[in-house]
Amino acid sequence: MFGLAEGGWRRRRLTVWMQGNFFRNIGTILTFAFCGTFISALVLAIILWLFTRIPLEGFSLTFVEAMSVGATLSATDPVTILAIFNTYKVDPKLYTIIFGESILNDAIAIVLFETAQKYKPGADKGTLSILSLFESIGVFLLVFFGSLAMGLIIGIATSLMLKFTHVRRDPKIESCLVFLIAYASYFLANAVHMSGESAREFRYCGTGLTQFMQVS
């Protein structure tokens, strides 16, 4: 779980210029993260669903189940690509876009998976309709942006608390608080029934906290 928080936290290692570049290109990053992950999941789901229509392997999947598998496989972590970019000193803007997309794509894939799972019983009974599609989109957006807002609010509130109190005088206590609060955001999300996708709270909380660490 702490790996998710580290995704937002590790941007601290970037230079101040690249930090600014991250937020200047946030629209591009979100476009790649949302559209890229969704298209990847959808294409994988269609291929898998069509394959199960062929009576060769003796099993079949509903499209909702195929979408769950597609969502699971759609999130990629371009560690090798980023390492190559680092070695050959490519354009920092390109590096930042790929890096930013890799931070968000697994979060979006988790939401897609959880959203698909909520409609699995309906798919098994054949009771899904076109309204279910629009409802699932609403559920996806609500859970994603709700978790994003919660994580950022907790991260920023924690940053302000650490900045304007004397806790910062003891680095050990400060470090413990940072990790404990990031972990607490995960439990808070679970408490409001955001299920497994609430793990994103770690990442967004880490993103908010890293801003404090840069300026303090």
C-alpha atoms as a PDB file:
ATOM      1  CA  MET A   1       0.000   0.000   0.000  1.00  0.00           C
ATOM      2  CA  PHE A   2       2.788   2.419   0.782  1.00  0.00           C
ATOM      3  CA  GLY A   3       3.910   2.037  -2.841  1.00  0.00           C
ATOM      4  CA  LEU A   4       0.820   3.984  -3.891  1.00  0.00           C
ATOM      5  CA  ALA A   5       1.598   6.856  -1.571  1.00  0.00           C
ATOM      6  CA  GLU A   6       5.151   6.813  -2.848  1.00  0.00           C
ATOM      7  CA  GLY A   7       3.846   7.432  -6.382  1.00  0.00           C
ATOM      8  CA  GLY A   8       2.772  10.916  -5.384  1.00  0.00           C
ATOM      9  CA  TRP A   9       5.625  11.349  -2.899  1.00  0.00           C
ATOM     10  CA  ARG A  10       8.452  10.461  -5.277  1.00  0.00           C
ATOM     11  CA  ARG A  11       7.774  13.526  -7.430  1.00  0.00           C
ATOM     12  CA  ARG A  12       9.758  15.226  -4.715  1.00  0.00           C
ATOM     13  CA  ARG A  13      12.870  13.818  -6.366  1.00  0.00           C
ATOM     14  CA  LEU A  14      12.175  15.817  -9.525  1.00  0.00           C
ATOM     15  CA  THR A  15      13.679  19.238  -9.963  1.00  0.00           C
ATOM     16  CA  VAL A  16      11.605  22.313  -9.145  1.00  0.00           C
ATOM     17  CA  TRP A  17      11.354  23.019 -12.878  1.00  0.00           C
ATOM     18  CA  MET A  18       9.913  19.562 -13.578  1.00  0.00           C
ATOM     19  CA  GLN A  19       7.462  19.974 -10.718  1.00  0.00           C
ATOM     20  CA  GLY A  20       6.153  23.075 -12.465  1.00  0.00           C
ATOM     21  CA  ASN A  21       6.195  21.217 -15.763  1.00  0.00           C
ATOM     22  CA  PHE A  22       4.033  18.485 -14.234  1.00  0.00           C
ATOM     23  CA  PHE A  23       1.240  20.899 -13.353  1.00  0.00           C
ATOM     24  CA  ARG A  24       1.610  22.873 -16.606  1.00  0.00           C
ATOM     25  CA  ASN A  25       0.916  19.655 -18.499  1.00  0.00           C
ATOM     26  CA  ILE A  26      -1.708  18.284 -16.136  1.00  0.00           C
ATOM     27  CA  GLY A  27      -4.370  18.453 -18.885  1.00  0.00           C
ATOM     28  CA  THR A  28      -2.285  16.301 -21.237  1.00  0.00           C
ATOM     29  CA  ILE A  29      -1.415  13.892 -18.432  1.00  0.00           C
ATOM     30  CA  LEU A  30      -5.062  13.462 -17.434  1.00  0.00           C
ATOM     31  CA  THR A  31      -6.087  12.979 -21.067  1.00  0.00           C
ATOM     32  CA  PHE A  32      -3.555  10.192 -21.567  1.00  0.00           C
ATOM     33  CA  ALA A  33      -4.410   8.649 -18.193  1.00  0.00           C
ATOM     34  CA  PHE A  34      -8.192   8.691 -18.692  1.00  0.00           C
ATOM     35  CA  CYS A  35      -8.514   8.063 -22.420  1.00  0.00           C
ATOM     36  CA  GLY A  36      -5.467   5.822 -22.768  1.00  0.00           C
ATOM     37  CA  THR A  37      -6.392   3.541 -19.888  1.00  0.00           C
ATOM     38  CA  PHE A  38     -10.060   3.379 -20.873  1.00  0.00           C
ATOM     39  CA  ILE A  39      -9.316   2.648 -24.544  1.00  0.00           C
ATOM     40  CA  SER A  40      -6.778  -0.009 -23.549  1.00  0.00           C
ATOM     41  CA  ALA A  41      -9.261  -1.661 -21.175  1.00  0.00           C
ATOM     42  CA  LEU A  42     -12.061  -1.494 -23.741  1.00  0.00           C
ATOM     43  CA  VAL A  43      -9.978  -2.963 -26.577  1.00  0.00           C
ATOM     44  CA  LEU A  44      -8.743  -5.802 -24.364  1.00  0.00           C
ATOM     45  CA  ALA A  45     -12.300  -6.452 -23.178  1.00  0.00           C
ATOM     46  CA  ILE A  46     -13.672  -6.587 -26.737  1.00  0.00           C
ATOM     47  CA  ILE A  47     -10.900  -8.941 -27.904  1.00  0.00           C
ATOM     48  CA  LEU A  48     -11.406 -11.249 -24.918  1.00  0.00           C
ATOM     49  CA  TRP A  49     -15.195 -11.189 -25.242  1.00  0.00           C
ATOM     50  CA  LEU A  50     -15.058 -11.975 -28.966  1.00  0.00           C
ATOM     51  CA  PHE A  51     -12.561 -14.768 -28.326  1.00  0.00           C
ATOM     52  CA  THR A  52     -14.927 -16.396 -25.846  1.00  0.00           C
ATOM     53  CA  ARG A  53     -17.662 -16.342 -28.498  1.00  0.00           C
ATOM     54  CA  ILE A  54     -15.584 -18.903 -30.428  1.00  0.00           C
ATOM     55  CA  PRO A  55     -16.441 -22.386 -29.082  1.00  0.00           C
ATOM     56  CA  LEU A  56     -12.848 -23.545 -28.755  1.00  0.00           C
ATOM     57  CA  GLU A  57     -11.840 -23.311 -25.121  1.00  0.00           C
ATOM     58  CA  GLY A  58     -15.186 -24.299 -23.627  1.00  0.00           C
ATOM     59  CA  PHE A  59     -15.739 -21.204 -21.497  1.00  0.00           C
ATOM     60  CA  SER A  60     -17.557 -17.917 -21.930  1.00  0.00           C
ATOM     61  CA  LEU A  61     -17.488 -14.499 -20.299  1.00  0.00           C
ATOM     62  CA  THR A  62     -20.002 -11.716 -20.120  1.00  0.00           C
ATOM     63  CA  PHE A  63     -18.809  -8.350 -21.421  1.00  0.00           C
ATOM     64  CA  VAL A  64     -18.752  -7.002 -17.858  1.00  0.00           C
ATOM     65  CA  GLU A  65     -16.371  -9.803 -16.822  1.00  0.00           C
ATOM     66  CA  ALA A  66     -14.248  -9.156 -19.902  1.00  0.00           C
ATOM     67  CA  MET A  67     -14.148  -5.461 -18.975  1.00  0.00           C
ATOM     68  CA  SER A  68     -12.914  -6.376 -15.499  1.00  0.00           C
ATOM     69  CA  VAL A  69     -10.054  -8.353 -17.017  1.00  0.00           C
ATOM     70  CA  GLY A  70      -9.315  -5.538 -19.474  1.00  0.00           C
ATOM     71  CA  ALA A  71      -9.169  -3.015 -16.636  1.00  0.00           C
ATOM     72  CA  THR A  72      -6.797  -5.271 -14.714  1.00  0.00           C
ATOM     73  CA  LEU A  73      -4.395  -5.492 -17.659  1.00  0.00           C
ATOM     74  CA  SER A  74      -4.685  -1.918 -18.920  1.00  0.00           C
ATOM     75  CA  ALA A  75      -2.551  -0.172 -16.296  1.00  0.00           C
ATOM     76  CA  THR A  76       1.127  -0.138 -17.228  1.00  0.00           C
ATOM     77  CA  ASP A  77       4.166   1.083 -15.327  1.00  0.00           C
ATOM     78  CA  PRO A  78       6.780   2.361 -17.849  1.00  0.00           C
ATOM     79  CA  VAL A  79       9.783   1.853 -15.576  1.00  0.00           C
ATOM     80  CA  THR A  80      12.030   0.721 -18.433  1.00  0.00           C
ATOM     81  CA  ILE A  81      10.979   3.597 -20.680  1.00  0.00           C
ATOM     82  CA  LEU A  82      11.620   6.151 -17.941  1.00  0.00           C
ATOM     83  CA  ALA A  83      15.017   4.611 -17.249  1.00  0.00           C
ATOM     84  CA  ILE A  84      15.910   4.914 -20.951  1.00  0.00           C
ATOM     85  CA  PHE A  85      14.657   8.512 -21.000  1.00  0.00           C
ATOM     86  CA  ASN A  86      16.822   9.230 -17.987  1.00  0.00           C
ATOM     87  CA  THR A  87      19.892   7.674 -19.597  1.00  0.00           C
ATOM     88  CA  TYR A  88      19.563   9.534 -22.886  1.00  0.00           C
ATOM     89  CA  LYS A  89      18.394  12.814 -21.344  1.00  0.00           C
ATOM     90  CA  VAL A  90      15.261  13.176 -23.468  1.00  0.00           C
ATOM     91  CA  ASP A  91      13.020  16.229 -23.426  1.00  0.00           C
ATOM     92  CA  PRO A  92      11.955  16.732 -19.773  1.00  0.00           C
ATOM     93  CA  LYS A  93       8.430  17.594 -20.928  1.00  0.00           C
ATOM     94  CA  LEU A  94       8.044  14.165 -22.541  1.00  0.00           C
ATOM     95  CA  TYR A  95       9.515  12.514 -19.442  1.00  0.00           C
ATOM     96  CA  THR A  96       7.092  14.399 -17.197  1.00  0.00           C
ATOM     97  CA  ILE A  97       4.042  13.456 -19.290  1.00  0.00           C
ATOM     98  CA  ILE A  98       4.937   9.738 -19.328  1.00  0.00           C
ATOM     99  CA  PHE A  99       5.790   9.841 -15.637  1.00  0.00           C
ATOM    100  CA  GLY A 100       2.577  11.655 -14.705  1.00  0.00           C
ATOM    101  CA  GLU A 101       0.433   9.283 -16.748  1.00  0.00           C
ATOM    102  CA  SER A 102       2.039   6.296 -15.015  1.00  0.00           C
ATOM    103  CA  ILE A 103       1.091   7.772 -11.633  1.00  0.00           C
ATOM    104  CA  LEU A 104      -2.606   7.978 -12.521  1.00  0.00           C
ATOM    105  CA  ASN A 105      -3.301   5.063 -14.865  1.00  0.00           C
ATOM    106  CA  ASP A 106      -3.379   2.346 -12.212  1.00  0.00           C
ATOM    107  CA  ALA A 107      -5.794   4.436 -10.125  1.00  0.00           C
ATOM    108  CA  ILE A 108      -8.146   4.719 -13.096  1.00  0.00           C
ATOM    109  CA  ALA A 109      -7.811   0.994 -13.829  1.00  0.00           C
ATOM    110  CA  ILE A 110      -8.785   0.174 -10.230  1.00  0.00           C
ATOM    111  CA  VAL A 111     -11.912   2.323 -10.514  1.00  0.00           C
ATOM    112  CA  LEU A 112     -12.839   0.707 -13.822  1.00  0.00           C
ATOM    113  CA  PHE A 113     -12.453  -2.747 -12.299  1.00  0.00           C
ATOM    114  CA  GLU A 114     -14.511  -1.933  -9.210  1.00  0.00           C
ATOM    115  CA  THR A 115     -17.206  -0.237 -11.294  1.00  0.00           C
ATOM    116  CA  ALA A 116     -17.463  -3.270 -13.586  1.00  0.00           C
ATOM    117  CA  GLN A 117     -17.701  -5.597 -10.589  1.00  0.00           C
ATOM    118  CA  LYS A 118     -20.685  -3.664  -9.252  1.00  0.00           C
ATOM    119  CA  TYR A 119     -22.623  -4.558 -12.416  1.00  0.00           C
ATOM    120  CA  LYS A 120     -21.568  -8.210 -12.580  1.00  0.00           C
ATOM    121  CA  PRO A 121     -24.757  -9.553 -10.900  1.00  0.00           C
ATOM    122  CA  GLY A 122     -26.896  -7.629 -13.384  1.00  0.00           C
ATOM    123  CA  ALA A 123     -24.845  -8.970 -16.292  1.00  0.00           C
ATOM    124  CA  ASP A 124     -25.258 -12.555 -15.045  1.00  0.00           C
ATOM    125  CA  LYS A 125     -29.036 -12.077 -14.855  1.00  0.00           C
ATOM    126  CA  GLY A 126     -29.213 -10.189 -18.160  1.00  0.00           C
ATOM    127  CA  THR A 127     -30.936  -7.194 -16.590  1.00  0.00           C
ATOM    128  CA  LEU A 128     -28.511  -4.497 -17.737  1.00  0.00           C
ATOM    129  CA  SER A 129     -29.745  -1.774 -20.075  1.00  0.00           C
ATOM    130  CA  ILE A 130     -28.448   1.373 -21.756  1.00  0.00           C
ATOM    131  CA  LEU A 131     -29.270   3.244 -18.543  1.00  0.00           C
ATOM    132  CA  SER A 132     -26.817   0.999 -16.706  1.00  0.00           C
ATOM    133  CA  LEU A 133     -24.062   2.295 -18.982  1.00  0.00           C
ATOM    134  CA  PHE A 134     -24.722   5.927 -18.071  1.00  0.00           C
ATOM    135  CA  GLU A 135     -25.109   4.985 -14.418  1.00  0.00           C
ATOM    136  CA  SER A 136     -21.731   3.215 -14.447  1.00  0.00           C
ATOM    137  CA  ILE A 137     -20.083   6.301 -15.953  1.00  0.00           C
ATOM    138  CA  GLY A 138     -21.575   8.408 -13.156  1.00  0.00           C
ATOM    139  CA  VAL A 139     -20.363   5.937 -10.516  1.00  0.00           C
ATOM    140  CA  PHE A 140     -16.887   5.943 -12.040  1.00  0.00           C
ATOM    141  CA  LEU A 141     -16.616   9.746 -12.066  1.00  0.00           C
ATOM    142  CA  LEU A 142     -18.055  10.097  -8.557  1.00  0.00           C
ATOM    143  CA  VAL A 143     -15.692   7.566  -7.015  1.00  0.00           C
ATOM    144  CA  PHE A 144     -12.621   8.793  -8.887  1.00  0.00           C
ATOM    145  CA  PHE A 145     -13.017  12.506  -8.267  1.00  0.00           C
ATOM    146  CA  GLY A 146     -14.400  11.932  -4.769  1.00  0.00           C
ATOM    147  CA  SER A 147     -11.284   9.990  -3.827  1.00  0.00           C
ATOM    148  CA  LEU A 148      -9.081  12.552  -5.550  1.00  0.00           C
ATOM    149  CA  ALA A 149     -10.659  15.389  -3.568  1.00  0.00           C
ATOM    150  CA  MET A 150     -10.422  13.507  -0.283  1.00  0.00           C
ATOM    151  CA  GLY A 151      -6.778  12.651  -0.805  1.00  0.00           C
ATOM    152  CA  LEU A 152      -5.791  16.174  -1.783  1.00  0.00           C
ATOM    153  CA  ILE A 153      -7.731  17.765   1.083  1.00  0.00           C
ATOM    154  CA  ILE A 154      -6.102  15.443   3.611  1.00  0.00           C
ATOM    155  CA  GLY A 155      -2.667  16.002   2.071  1.00  0.00           C
ATOM    156  CA  ILE A 156      -2.987  19.797   2.054  1.00  0.00           C
ATOM    157  CA  ALA A 157      -4.459  19.890   5.574  1.00  0.00           C
ATOM    158  CA  THR A 158      -1.593  17.755   6.840  1.00  0.00           C
ATOM    159  CA  SER A 159       0.921  19.971   5.062  1.00  0.00           C
ATOM    160  CA  LEU A 160      -0.491  23.073   6.757  1.00  0.00           C
ATOM    161  CA  MET A 161      -0.514  21.338  10.122  1.00  0.00           C
ATOM    162  CA  LEU A 162       3.142  20.362   9.794  1.00  0.00           C
ATOM    163  CA  LYS A 163       4.102  23.800   8.544  1.00  0.00           C
ATOM    164  CA  PHE A 164       2.467  25.850  11.289  1.00  0.00           C
ATOM    165  CA  THR A 165       3.143  23.619  14.303  1.00  0.00           C
ATOM    166  CA  HIS A 166       6.301  22.659  16.168  1.00  0.00           C
ATOM    167  CA  VAL A 167       6.070  19.011  15.073  1.00  0.00           C
ATOM    168  CA  ARG A 168       8.585  19.783  12.329  1.00  0.00           C
ATOM    169  CA  ARG A 169      11.261  20.285  14.977  1.00  0.00           C
ATOM    170  CA  ASP A 170      11.354  16.521  15.482  1.00  0.00           C
ATOM    171  CA  PRO A 171      11.991  14.884  12.067  1.00  0.00           C
ATOM    172  CA  LYS A 172      11.266  11.378  13.376  1.00  0.00           C
ATOM    173  CA  ILE A 173       7.803  12.266  14.660  1.00  0.00           C
ATOM    174  CA  GLU A 174       7.128  14.302  11.522  1.00  0.00           C
ATOM    175  CA  SER A 175       8.040  11.389   9.251  1.00  0.00           C
ATOM    176  CA  CYS A 176       5.859   8.997  11.237  1.00  0.00           C
ATOM    177  CA  LEU A 177       2.909  11.385  11.043  1.00  0.00           C
ATOM    178  CA  VAL A 178       3.268  11.722   7.278  1.00  0.00           C
ATOM    179  CA  PHE A 179       3.026   7.964   6.711  1.00  0.00           C
ATOM    180  CA  LEU A 180       0.332   7.407   9.331  1.00  0.00           C
ATOM    181  CA  ILE A 181      -1.899  10.147   7.909  1.00  0.00           C
ATOM    182  CA  ALA A 182      -1.431   8.829   4.383  1.00  0.00           C
ATOM    183  CA  TYR A 183      -2.458   5.381   5.606  1.00  0.00           C
ATOM    184  CA  ALA A 184      -5.382   6.856   7.563  1.00  0.00           C
ATOM    185  CA  SER A 185      -6.705   8.392   4.336  1.00  0.00           C
ATOM    186  CA  TYR A 186      -7.038   4.864   2.957  1.00  0.00           C
ATOM    187  CA  PHE A 187      -9.144   3.770   5.932  1.00  0.00           C
ATOM    188  CA  LEU A 188     -11.243   6.923   5.694  1.00  0.00           C
ATOM    189  CA  ALA A 189     -12.052   6.147   2.076  1.00  0.00           C
ATOM    190  CA  ASN A 190     -13.032   2.612   3.045  1.00  0.00           C
ATOM    191  CA  ALA A 191     -15.257   4.010   5.791  1.00  0.00           C
ATOM    192  CA  VAL A 192     -17.296   5.916   3.197  1.00  0.00           C
ATOM    193  CA  HIS A 193     -17.645   2.749   1.106  1.00  0.00           C
ATOM    194  CA  MET A 194     -15.189   3.500  -1.684  1.00  0.00           C
ATOM    195  CA  SER A 195     -13.891  -0.062  -1.508  1.00  0.00           C
ATOM    196  CA  GLY A 196     -10.575  -1.083  -3.078  1.00  0.00           C
ATOM    197  CA  GLU A 197     -10.253   1.941  -5.329  1.00  0.00           C
ATOM    198  CA  SER A 198      -9.759   4.058  -2.205  1.00  0.00           C
ATOM    199  CA  ALA A 199      -6.106   3.014  -2.349  1.00  0.00           C
ATOM    200  CA  ARG A 200      -5.742   6.042  -4.597  1.00  0.00           C
ATOM    201  CA  GLU A 201      -6.069   8.139  -1.472  1.00  0.00           C
ATOM    202  CA  PHE A 202      -2.467   7.219  -0.760  1.00  0.00           C
ATOM    203  CA  ARG A 203      -1.318   8.652  -4.049  1.00  0.00           C
ATOM    204  CA  TYR A 204      -3.258  11.904  -3.916  1.00  0.00           C
ATOM    205  CA  CYS A 205      -2.420  12.410  -0.255  1.00  0.00           C
ATOM    206  CA  GLY A 206       1.235  11.874  -1.146  1.00  0.00           C
ATOM    207  CA  THR A 207       0.926  14.420  -3.963  1.00  0.00           C
ATOM    208  CA  GLY A 208      -0.409  17.023  -1.545  1.00  0.00           C
ATOM    209  CA  LEU A 209       2.213  16.240   1.073  1.00  0.00           C
ATOM    210  CA  THR A 210       5.116  16.478  -1.350  1.00  0.00           C
ATOM    211  CA  GLN A 211       4.227  20.104  -2.081  1.00  0.00           C
ATOM    212  CA  PHE A 212       4.792  20.900   1.591  1.00  0.00           C
ATOM    213  CA  MET A 213       8.128  19.126   1.563  1.00  0.00           C
ATOM    214  CA  GLN A 214       9.295  21.149  -1.429  1.00  0.00           C
ATOM    215  CA  VAL A 215       8.566  24.568   0.037  1.00  0.00           C
ATOM    216  CA  SER A 216       9.371  23.867   3.697  1.00  0.00           C
END
